[in-house]
PDB file of N, CA and C in Angstrom:
ATOM      1  N   UNK A   1     121.236  89.648  92.650  1.00  0.00           N
ATOM      2  CA  UNK A   1     121.531  90.508  93.786  1.00  0.00           C
ATOM      3  C   UNK A   1     120.628  91.750  93.683  1.00  0.00           C
ATOM      4  N   UNK A   2     120.274  92.270  94.820  1.00  0.00           N
ATOM      5  CA  UNK A   2     119.410  93.447  94.881  1.00  0.00           C
ATOM      6  C   UNK A   2     120.227  94.629  95.391  1.00  0.00           C
ATOM      7  N   UNK A   3     120.089  95.768  94.714  1.00  0.00           N
ATOM      8  CA  UNK A   3     120.737  96.993  95.143  1.00  0.00           C
ATOM      9  C   UNK A   3     119.723  97.815  95.929  1.00  0.00           C
ATOM     10  N   UNK A   4     120.144  98.345  97.068  1.00  0.00           N
ATOM     11  CA  UNK A   4     119.292  99.207  97.873  1.00  0.00           C
ATOM     12  C   UNK A   4     119.907 100.595  97.857  1.00  0.00           C
ATOM     13  N   UNK A   5     119.097 101.586  97.500  1.00  0.00           N
ATOM     14  CA  UNK A   5     119.550 102.974  97.441  1.00  0.00           C
ATOM     15  C   UNK A   5     118.771 103.777  98.473  1.00  0.00           C
ATOM     16  N   UNK A   6     119.480 104.411  99.382  1.00  0.00           N
ATOM     17  CA  UNK A   6     118.881 105.273 100.395  1.00  0.00           C
ATOM     18  C   UNK A   6     119.032 106.725  99.938  1.00  0.00           C
ATOM     19  N   UNK A   7     117.984 107.520 100.077  1.00  0.00           N
ATOM     20  CA  UNK A   7     118.048 108.945  99.785  1.00  0.00           C
ATOM     21  C   UNK A   7     117.692 109.700 101.057  1.00  0.00           C
ATOM     22  N   UNK A   8     118.520 110.700 101.404  1.00  0.00           N
ATOM     23  CA  UNK A   8     118.226 111.466 102.608  1.00  0.00           C
ATOM     24  C   UNK A   8     117.432 112.727 102.265  1.00  0.00           C
ATOM     25  N   UNK A   9     117.137 113.533 103.263  1.00  0.00           N
ATOM     26  CA  UNK A   9     116.306 114.721 103.088  1.00  0.00           C
ATOM     27  C   UNK A   9     116.919 115.736 102.122  1.00  0.00           C
ATOM     28  N   UNK A  10     118.246 115.753 101.998  1.00  0.00           N
ATOM     29  CA  UNK A  10     118.905 116.701 101.092  1.00  0.00           C
ATOM     30  C   UNK A  10     118.983 116.190  99.661  1.00  0.00           C
ATOM     31  N   UNK A  11     118.612 114.918  99.448  1.00  0.00           N
ATOM     32  CA  UNK A  11     118.687 114.316  98.119  1.00  0.00           C
ATOM     33  C   UNK A  11     119.939 113.496  97.893  1.00  0.00           C
ATOM     34  N   UNK A  12     120.848 113.489  98.866  1.00  0.00           N
ATOM     35  CA  UNK A  12     122.066 112.682  98.742  1.00  0.00           C
ATOM     36  C   UNK A  12     121.698 111.206  98.811  1.00  0.00           C
ATOM     37  N   UNK A  13     122.425 110.375  98.077  1.00  0.00           N
ATOM     38  CA  UNK A  13     122.134 108.944  98.050  1.00  0.00           C
ATOM     39  C   UNK A  13     123.330 108.117  98.509  1.00  0.00           C
ATOM     40  N   UNK A  14     123.008 106.934  99.007  1.00  0.00           N
ATOM     41  CA  UNK A  14     123.994 105.916  99.380  1.00  0.00           C
ATOM     42  C   UNK A  14     123.424 104.604  98.889  1.00  0.00           C
ATOM     43  N   UNK A  15     124.281 103.741  98.357  1.00  0.00           N
ATOM     44  CA  UNK A  15     123.784 102.481  97.810  1.00  0.00           C
ATOM     45  C   UNK A  15     124.706 101.326  98.156  1.00  0.00           C
ATOM     46  N   UNK A  16     124.116 100.138  98.189  1.00  0.00           N
ATOM     47  CA  UNK A  16     124.874  98.909  98.412  1.00  0.00           C
ATOM     48  C   UNK A  16     124.030  97.731  97.948  1.00  0.00           C
ATOM     49  N   UNK A  17     124.698  96.638  97.687  1.00  0.00           N
ATOM     50  CA  UNK A  17     123.986  95.425  97.319  1.00  0.00           C
ATOM     51  C   UNK A  17     123.785  94.571  98.559  1.00  0.00           C
ATOM     52  N   UNK A  18     122.685  93.826  98.562  1.00  0.00           N
ATOM     53  CA  UNK A  18     122.344  93.023  99.728  1.00  0.00           C
ATOM     54  C   UNK A  18     121.873  91.643  99.286  1.00  0.00           C
ATOM     55  N   UNK A  19     122.200  90.666 100.083  1.00  0.00           N
ATOM     56  CA  UNK A  19     121.774  89.287  99.837  1.00  0.00           C
ATOM     57  C   UNK A  19     120.298  89.124 100.201  1.00  0.00           C
ATOM     58  N   UNK A  20     119.604  88.183  99.588  1.00  0.00           N
ATOM     59  CA  UNK A  20     118.219  87.904  99.978  1.00  0.00           C
ATOM     60  C   UNK A  20     118.127  87.597 101.465  1.00  0.00           C
ATOM     61  N   UNK A  21     117.106  88.111 102.101  1.00  0.00           N
ATOM     62  CA  UNK A  21     116.896  87.891 103.527  1.00  0.00           C
ATOM     63  C   UNK A  21     117.536  88.949 104.403  1.00  0.00           C
ATOM     64  N   UNK A  22     118.396  89.791 103.826  1.00  0.00           N
ATOM     65  CA  UNK A  22     119.067  90.831 104.604  1.00  0.00           C
ATOM     66  C   UNK A  22     118.082  91.872 105.112  1.00  0.00           C
ATOM     67  N   UNK A  23     118.341  92.350 106.320  1.00  0.00           N
ATOM     68  CA  UNK A  23     117.470  93.345 106.932  1.00  0.00           C
ATOM     69  C   UNK A  23     117.922  94.737 106.511  1.00  0.00           C
ATOM     70  N   UNK A  24     116.977  95.596 106.151  1.00  0.00           N
ATOM     71  CA  UNK A  24     117.277  96.945 105.684  1.00  0.00           C
ATOM     72  C   UNK A  24     118.065  97.727 106.745  1.00  0.00           C
ATOM     73  N   UNK A  25     117.712  97.603 108.010  1.00  0.00           N
ATOM     74  CA  UNK A  25     118.417  98.344 109.070  1.00  0.00           C
ATOM     75  C   UNK A  25     119.866  97.914 109.172  1.00  0.00           C
ATOM     76  N   UNK A  26     120.144  96.628 109.004  1.00  0.00           N
ATOM     77  CA  UNK A  26     121.527  96.148 109.053  1.00  0.00           C
ATOM     78  C   UNK A  26     122.348  96.756 107.920  1.00  0.00           C
ATOM     79  N   UNK A  27     121.754  96.829 106.735  1.00  0.00           N
ATOM     80  CA  UNK A  27     122.436  97.444 105.599  1.00  0.00           C
ATOM     81  C   UNK A  27     122.658  98.930 105.854  1.00  0.00           C
ATOM     82  N   UNK A  28     121.656  99.610 106.396  1.00  0.00           N
ATOM     83  CA  UNK A  28     121.795 101.033 106.715  1.00  0.00           C
ATOM     84  C   UNK A  28     122.952 101.250 107.686  1.00  0.00           C
ATOM     85  N   UNK A  29     123.077 100.384 108.679  1.00  0.00           N
ATOM     86  CA  UNK A  29     124.193 100.478 109.623  1.00  0.00           C
ATOM     87  C   UNK A  29     125.532 100.285 108.912  1.00  0.00           C
ATOM     88  N   UNK A  30     125.593  99.291 108.032  1.00  0.00           N
ATOM     89  CA  UNK A  30     126.837  98.978 107.319  1.00  0.00           C
ATOM     90  C   UNK A  30     127.363 100.145 106.519  1.00  0.00           C
ATOM     91  N   UNK A  31     126.474 100.854 105.827  1.00  0.00           N
ATOM     92  CA  UNK A  31     126.914 101.932 104.942  1.00  0.00           C
ATOM     93  C   UNK A  31     126.665 103.317 105.529  1.00  0.00           C
ATOM     94  N   UNK A  32     126.285 103.365 106.800  1.00  0.00           N
ATOM     95  CA  UNK A  32     126.022 104.622 107.501  1.00  0.00           C
ATOM     96  C   UNK A  32     124.953 105.452 106.787  1.00  0.00           C
ATOM     97  N   UNK A  33     123.898 104.772 106.353  1.00  0.00           N
ATOM     98  CA  UNK A  33     122.779 105.451 105.695  1.00  0.00           C
ATOM     99  C   UNK A  33     121.970 106.226 106.735  1.00  0.00           C
ATOM    100  N   UNK A  34     121.275 107.258 106.300  1.00  0.00           N
ATOM    101  CA  UNK A  34     120.574 108.152 107.221  1.00  0.00           C
ATOM    102  C   UNK A  34     119.225 107.625 107.703  1.00  0.00           C
ATOM    103  N   UNK A  35     119.229 106.492 108.393  1.00  0.00           N
ATOM    104  CA  UNK A  35     117.995 105.927 108.928  1.00  0.00           C
ATOM    105  C   UNK A  35     118.056 106.010 110.447  1.00  0.00           C
ATOM    106  N   UNK A  36     117.135 106.770 111.027  1.00  0.00           N
ATOM    107  CA  UNK A  36     117.082 106.887 112.484  1.00  0.00           C
ATOM    108  C   UNK A  36     116.497 105.604 113.068  1.00  0.00           C
ATOM    109  N   UNK A  37     116.881 105.295 114.288  1.00  0.00           N
ATOM    110  CA  UNK A  37     116.332 104.115 114.937  1.00  0.00           C
ATOM    111  C   UNK A  37     116.402 104.281 116.440  1.00  0.00           C
ATOM    112  N   UNK A  38     115.685 103.441 117.131  1.00  0.00           N
ATOM    113  CA  UNK A  38     115.727 103.421 118.583  1.00  0.00           C
ATOM    114  C   UNK A  38     115.626 101.982 119.071  1.00  0.00           C
ATOM    115  N   UNK A  39     114.457 101.360 118.899  1.00  0.00           N
ATOM    116  CA  UNK A  39     114.200 100.065 119.534  1.00  0.00           C
ATOM    117  C   UNK A  39     114.683  98.850 118.762  1.00  0.00           C
ATOM    118  N   UNK A  40     114.647  98.884 117.458  1.00  0.00           N
ATOM    119  CA  UNK A  40     114.969  97.747 116.576  1.00  0.00           C
ATOM    120  C   UNK A  40     114.053  96.546 116.787  1.00  0.00           C
ATOM    121  N   UNK A  41     112.883  96.782 117.345  1.00  0.00           N
ATOM    122  CA  UNK A  41     111.980  95.657 117.608  1.00  0.00           C
ATOM    123  C   UNK A  41     110.539  95.925 117.179  1.00  0.00           C
ATOM    124  N   UNK A  42     110.347  96.814 116.240  1.00  0.00           N
ATOM    125  CA  UNK A  42     109.004  97.138 115.716  1.00  0.00           C
ATOM    126  C   UNK A  42     108.065  97.644 116.801  1.00  0.00           C
ATOM    127  N   UNK A  43     108.575  98.518 117.667  1.00  0.00           N
ATOM    128  CA  UNK A  43     107.668  99.075 118.663  1.00  0.00           C
ATOM    129  C   UNK A  43     107.653 100.599 118.687  1.00  0.00           C
ATOM    130  N   UNK A  44     108.635 101.260 118.072  1.00  0.00           N
ATOM    131  CA  UNK A  44     108.663 102.725 118.149  1.00  0.00           C
ATOM    132  C   UNK A  44     108.340 103.418 116.831  1.00  0.00           C
ATOM    133  N   UNK A  45     108.684 102.832 115.697  1.00  0.00           N
ATOM    134  CA  UNK A  45     108.383 103.423 114.397  1.00  0.00           C
ATOM    135  C   UNK A  45     109.349 104.495 113.942  1.00  0.00           C
ATOM    136  N   UNK A  46     110.413 104.743 114.682  1.00  0.00           N
ATOM    137  CA  UNK A  46     111.365 105.797 114.319  1.00  0.00           C
ATOM    138  C   UNK A  46     112.090 105.477 113.015  1.00  0.00           C
ATOM    139  N   UNK A  47     112.270 104.221 112.702  1.00  0.00           N
ATOM    140  CA  UNK A  47     113.029 103.822 111.509  1.00  0.00           C
ATOM    141  C   UNK A  47     112.161 103.714 110.253  1.00  0.00           C
ATOM    142  N   UNK A  48     111.001 104.336 110.273  1.00  0.00           N
ATOM    143  CA  UNK A  48     110.093 104.259 109.119  1.00  0.00           C
ATOM    144  C   UNK A  48     110.754 104.870 107.883  1.00  0.00           C
ATOM    145  N   UNK A  49     110.688 104.146 106.771  1.00  0.00           N
ATOM    146  CA  UNK A  49     111.223 104.619 105.493  1.00  0.00           C
ATOM    147  C   UNK A  49     110.137 104.527 104.432  1.00  0.00           C
ATOM    148  N   UNK A  50     110.229 105.402 103.445  1.00  0.00           N
ATOM    149  CA  UNK A  50     109.310 105.408 102.304  1.00  0.00           C
ATOM    150  C   UNK A  50     109.935 104.559 101.208  1.00  0.00           C
ATOM    151  N   UNK A  51     109.219 103.562 100.724  1.00  0.00           N
ATOM    152  CA  UNK A  51     109.714 102.725  99.627  1.00  0.00           C
ATOM    153  C   UNK A  51     109.256 103.393  98.333  1.00  0.00           C
ATOM    154  N   UNK A  52     110.200 104.021  97.636  1.00  0.00           N
ATOM    155  CA  UNK A  52     109.877 104.751  96.414  1.00  0.00           C
ATOM    156  C   UNK A  52     109.865 103.852  95.185  1.00  0.00           C
ATOM    157  N   UNK A  53     110.594 102.750  95.258  1.00  0.00           N
ATOM    158  CA  UNK A  53     110.680 101.831  94.113  1.00  0.00           C
ATOM    159  C   UNK A  53     111.132 100.471  94.639  1.00  0.00           C
ATOM    160  N   UNK A  54     110.587  99.418  94.060  1.00  0.00           N
ATOM    161  CA  UNK A  54     111.033  98.076  94.397  1.00  0.00           C
ATOM    162  C   UNK A  54     110.337  97.437  95.577  1.00  0.00           C
ATOM    163  N   UNK A  55     109.145  97.919  95.896  1.00  0.00           N
ATOM    164  CA  UNK A  55     108.404  97.371  97.047  1.00  0.00           C
ATOM    165  C   UNK A  55     108.252  95.849  96.938  1.00  0.00           C
ATOM    166  N   UNK A  56     108.057  95.349  95.737  1.00  0.00           N
ATOM    167  CA  UNK A  56     107.858  93.907  95.531  1.00  0.00           C
ATOM    168  C   UNK A  56     109.119  93.095  95.818  1.00  0.00           C
ATOM    169  N   UNK A  57     110.275  93.757  95.913  1.00  0.00           N
ATOM    170  CA  UNK A  57     111.523  93.062  96.210  1.00  0.00           C
ATOM    171  C   UNK A  57     111.746  92.880  97.708  1.00  0.00           C
ATOM    172  N   UNK A  58     110.839  93.418  98.523  1.00  0.00           N
ATOM    173  CA  UNK A  58     110.900  93.233  99.973  1.00  0.00           C
ATOM    174  C   UNK A  58     109.954  92.116 100.383  1.00  0.00           C
ATOM    175  N   UNK A  59     110.336  91.371 101.391  1.00  0.00           N
ATOM    176  CA  UNK A  59     109.429  90.360 101.934  1.00  0.00           C
ATOM    177  C   UNK A  59     108.229  91.069 102.556  1.00  0.00           C
ATOM    178  N   UNK A  60     107.063  90.456 102.547  1.00  0.00           N
ATOM    179  CA  UNK A  60     105.878  91.085 103.157  1.00  0.00           C
ATOM    180  C   UNK A  60     106.113  91.384 104.640  1.00  0.00           C
ATOM    181  N   UNK A  61     105.481  92.438 105.102  1.00  0.00           N
ATOM    182  CA  UNK A  61     105.603  92.834 106.511  1.00  0.00           C
ATOM    183  C   UNK A  61     104.955  91.784 107.408  1.00  0.00           C
ATOM    184  N   UNK A  62     105.629  91.471 108.505  1.00  0.00           N
ATOM    185  CA  UNK A  62     105.074  90.563 109.510  1.00  0.00           C
ATOM    186  C   UNK A  62     104.019  91.316 110.318  1.00  0.00           C
ATOM    187  N   UNK A  63     103.255  90.576 111.095  1.00  0.00           N
ATOM    188  CA  UNK A  63     102.147  91.159 111.853  1.00  0.00           C
ATOM    189  C   UNK A  63     102.588  92.282 112.781  1.00  0.00           C
ATOM    190  N   UNK A  64     103.702  92.116 113.494  1.00  0.00           N
ATOM    191  CA  UNK A  64     104.124  93.168 114.429  1.00  0.00           C
ATOM    192  C   UNK A  64     104.503  94.450 113.700  1.00  0.00           C
ATOM    193  N   UNK A  65     105.132  94.335 112.533  1.00  0.00           N
ATOM    194  CA  UNK A  65     105.454  95.525 111.737  1.00  0.00           C
ATOM    195  C   UNK A  65     104.175  96.182 111.226  1.00  0.00           C
ATOM    196  N   UNK A  66     103.249  95.379 110.724  1.00  0.00           N
ATOM    197  CA  UNK A  66     101.978  95.933 110.224  1.00  0.00           C
ATOM    198  C   UNK A  66     101.225  96.652 111.338  1.00  0.00           C
ATOM    199  N   UNK A  67     101.225  96.090 112.531  1.00  0.00           N
ATOM    200  CA  UNK A  67     100.532  96.716 113.659  1.00  0.00           C
ATOM    201  C   UNK A  67     101.089  98.107 113.950  1.00  0.00           C
ATOM    202  N   UNK A  68     102.423  98.240 113.969  1.00  0.00           N
ATOM    203  CA  UNK A  68     103.041  99.542 114.236  1.00  0.00           C
ATOM    204  C   UNK A  68     102.740 100.512 113.103  1.00  0.00           C
ATOM    205  N   UNK A  69     102.874 100.061 111.865  1.00  0.00           N
ATOM    206  CA  UNK A  69     102.589 100.935 110.729  1.00  0.00           C
ATOM    207  C   UNK A  69     101.133 101.391 110.739  1.00  0.00           C
ATOM    208  N   UNK A  70     100.216 100.490 111.057  1.00  0.00           N
ATOM    209  CA  UNK A  70      98.797 100.858 111.152  1.00  0.00           C
ATOM    210  C   UNK A  70      98.575 101.891 112.250  1.00  0.00           C
ATOM    211  N   UNK A  71      99.200 101.699 113.404  1.00  0.00           N
ATOM    212  CA  UNK A  71      99.049 102.634 114.525  1.00  0.00           C
ATOM    213  C   UNK A  71      99.586 104.019 114.175  1.00  0.00           C
ATOM    214  N   UNK A  72     100.597 104.062 113.313  1.00  0.00           N
ATOM    215  CA  UNK A  72     101.184 105.337 112.898  1.00  0.00           C
ATOM    216  C   UNK A  72     100.438 105.973 111.729  1.00  0.00           C
ATOM    217  N   UNK A  73      99.468 105.254 111.165  1.00  0.00           N
ATOM    218  CA  UNK A  73      98.751 105.760 110.003  1.00  0.00           C
ATOM    219  C   UNK A  73      99.636 105.827 108.770  1.00  0.00           C
ATOM    220  N   UNK A  74     100.587 104.917 108.685  1.00  0.00           N
ATOM    221  CA  UNK A  74     101.545 104.903 107.579  1.00  0.00           C
ATOM    222  C   UNK A  74     100.865 104.536 106.266  1.00  0.00           C
ATOM    223  N   UNK A  75     101.442 105.050 105.187  1.00  0.00           N
ATOM    224  CA  UNK A  75     100.940 104.699 103.862  1.00  0.00           C
ATOM    225  C   UNK A  75     101.377 103.275 103.528  1.00  0.00           C
ATOM    226  N   UNK A  76     100.795 102.691 102.515  1.00  0.00           N
ATOM    227  CA  UNK A  76     101.156 101.343 102.096  1.00  0.00           C
ATOM    228  C   UNK A  76     102.568 101.237 101.559  1.00  0.00           C
ATOM    229  N   UNK A  77     103.195 102.380 101.280  1.00  0.00           N
ATOM    230  CA  UNK A  77     104.557 102.388 100.741  1.00  0.00           C
ATOM    231  C   UNK A  77     105.609 102.559 101.826  1.00  0.00           C
ATOM    232  N   UNK A  78     105.197 102.582 103.087  1.00  0.00           N
ATOM    233  CA  UNK A  78     106.157 102.757 104.169  1.00  0.00           C
ATOM    234  C   UNK A  78     106.444 101.420 104.850  1.00  0.00           C
ATOM    235  N   UNK A  79     107.688 101.290 105.298  1.00  0.00           N
ATOM    236  CA  UNK A  79     108.114 100.099 106.030  1.00  0.00           C
ATOM    237  C   UNK A  79     108.990 100.515 107.194  1.00  0.00           C
ATOM    238  N   UNK A  80     109.166  99.609 108.146  1.00  0.00           N
ATOM    239  CA  UNK A  80     110.093  99.829 109.245  1.00  0.00           C
ATOM    240  C   UNK A  80     111.421  99.187 108.853  1.00  0.00           C
ATOM    241  N   UNK A  81     112.476  99.981 108.802  1.00  0.00           N
ATOM    242  CA  UNK A  81     113.781  99.471 108.378  1.00  0.00           C
ATOM    243  C   UNK A  81     114.294  98.374 109.298  1.00  0.00           C
ATOM    244  N   UNK A  82     113.886  98.418 110.578  1.00  0.00           N
ATOM    245  CA  UNK A  82     114.359  97.391 111.514  1.00  0.00           C
ATOM    246  C   UNK A  82     113.713  96.043 111.258  1.00  0.00           C
ATOM    247  N   UNK A  83     112.627  96.015 110.516  1.00  0.00           N
ATOM    248  CA  UNK A  83     111.903  94.767 110.272  1.00  0.00           C
ATOM    249  C   UNK A  83     111.904  94.340 108.809  1.00  0.00           C
ATOM    250  N   UNK A  84     111.977  95.293 107.895  1.00  0.00           N
ATOM    251  CA  UNK A  84     111.901  94.986 106.462  1.00  0.00           C
ATOM    252  C   UNK A  84     113.106  94.166 106.023  1.00  0.00           C
ATOM    253  N   UNK A  85     112.817  93.075 105.326  1.00  0.00           N
ATOM    254  CA  UNK A  85     113.864  92.200 104.813  1.00  0.00           C
ATOM    255  C   UNK A  85     113.737  92.096 103.299  1.00  0.00           C
ATOM    256  N   UNK A  86     114.893  91.992 102.658  1.00  0.00           N
ATOM    257  CA  UNK A  86     114.943  91.879 101.209  1.00  0.00           C
ATOM    258  C   UNK A  86     114.523  90.470 100.811  1.00  0.00           C
ATOM    259  N   UNK A  87     113.706  90.388  99.774  1.00  0.00           N
ATOM    260  CA  UNK A  87     113.292  89.096  99.245  1.00  0.00           C
ATOM    261  C   UNK A  87     114.320  88.575  98.258  1.00  0.00           C
ATOM    262  N   UNK A  88     113.870  87.770  97.337  1.00  0.00           N
ATOM    263  CA  UNK A  88     114.788  87.222  96.335  1.00  0.00           C
ATOM    264  C   UNK A  88     114.563  87.921  95.005  1.00  0.00           C
ATOM    265  N   UNK A  89     115.468  87.680  94.101  1.00  0.00           N
ATOM    266  CA  UNK A  89     115.361  88.259  92.775  1.00  0.00           C
ATOM    267  C   UNK A  89     116.478  89.243  92.522  1.00  0.00           C
ATOM    268  N   UNK A  90     116.272  90.041  91.495  1.00  0.00           N
ATOM    269  CA  UNK A  90     117.241  91.065  91.133  1.00  0.00           C
ATOM    270  C   UNK A  90     116.502  92.353  90.885  1.00  0.00           C
ATOM    271  N   UNK A  91     117.170  93.461  91.171  1.00  0.00           N
ATOM    272  CA  UNK A  91     116.550  94.748  90.929  1.00  0.00           C
ATOM    273  C   UNK A  91     117.060  95.795  91.893  1.00  0.00           C
ATOM    274  N   UNK A  92     116.283  96.877  91.992  1.00  0.00           N
ATOM    275  CA  UNK A  92     116.671  98.018  92.813  1.00  0.00           C
ATOM    276  C   UNK A  92     115.535  98.387  93.744  1.00  0.00           C
ATOM    277  N   UNK A  93     115.884  98.631  94.992  1.00  0.00           N
ATOM    278  CA  UNK A  93     114.945  99.163  95.970  1.00  0.00           C
ATOM    279  C   UNK A  93     115.400 100.565  96.313  1.00  0.00           C
ATOM    280  N   UNK A  94     114.512 101.539  96.149  1.00  0.00           N
ATOM    281  CA  UNK A  94     114.832 102.933  96.516  1.00  0.00           C
ATOM    282  C   UNK A  94     114.048 103.304  97.768  1.00  0.00           C
ATOM    283  N   UNK A  95     114.774 103.781  98.774  1.00  0.00           N
ATOM    284  CA  UNK A  95     114.168 104.159 100.043  1.00  0.00           C
ATOM    285  C   UNK A  95     114.474 105.607 100.357  1.00  0.00           C
ATOM    286  N   UNK A  96     113.487 106.314 100.889  1.00  0.00           N
ATOM    287  CA  UNK A  96     113.706 107.686 101.370  1.00  0.00           C
ATOM    288  C   UNK A  96     113.610 107.636 102.892  1.00  0.00           C
ATOM    289  N   UNK A  97     114.692 108.040 103.521  1.00  0.00           N
ATOM    290  CA  UNK A  97     114.755 108.037 104.974  1.00  0.00           C
ATOM    291  C   UNK A  97     114.160 109.317 105.543  1.00  0.00           C
ATOM    292  N   UNK A  98     113.550 109.148 106.743  1.00  0.00           N
ATOM    293  CA  UNK A  98     112.958 110.185 107.545  1.00  0.00           C
ATOM    294  C   UNK A  98     113.034 111.523 107.016  1.00  0.00           C
TER     295      UNK A  98
END
């Protein structure tokens, strides 16, 4: 099982475990994590999160997510929570929200 830890701007954290294939935005909704969103379809970029640890535990970004991240000039450590899905394995993913 993979644990996902969200950190907000004040440094407060929220954590939960997620099954492989789970979408980061769905988990954020479940635990009321501080991830802003609007479209949920990889077109606005509002749900961009910084992956501080565990990037390899996420499935690779699909083309539509990569296109939005490229257009935003995002770093290689950023993902869209509405599109990022947890891969398989065990470990911890640390995300910093907006």
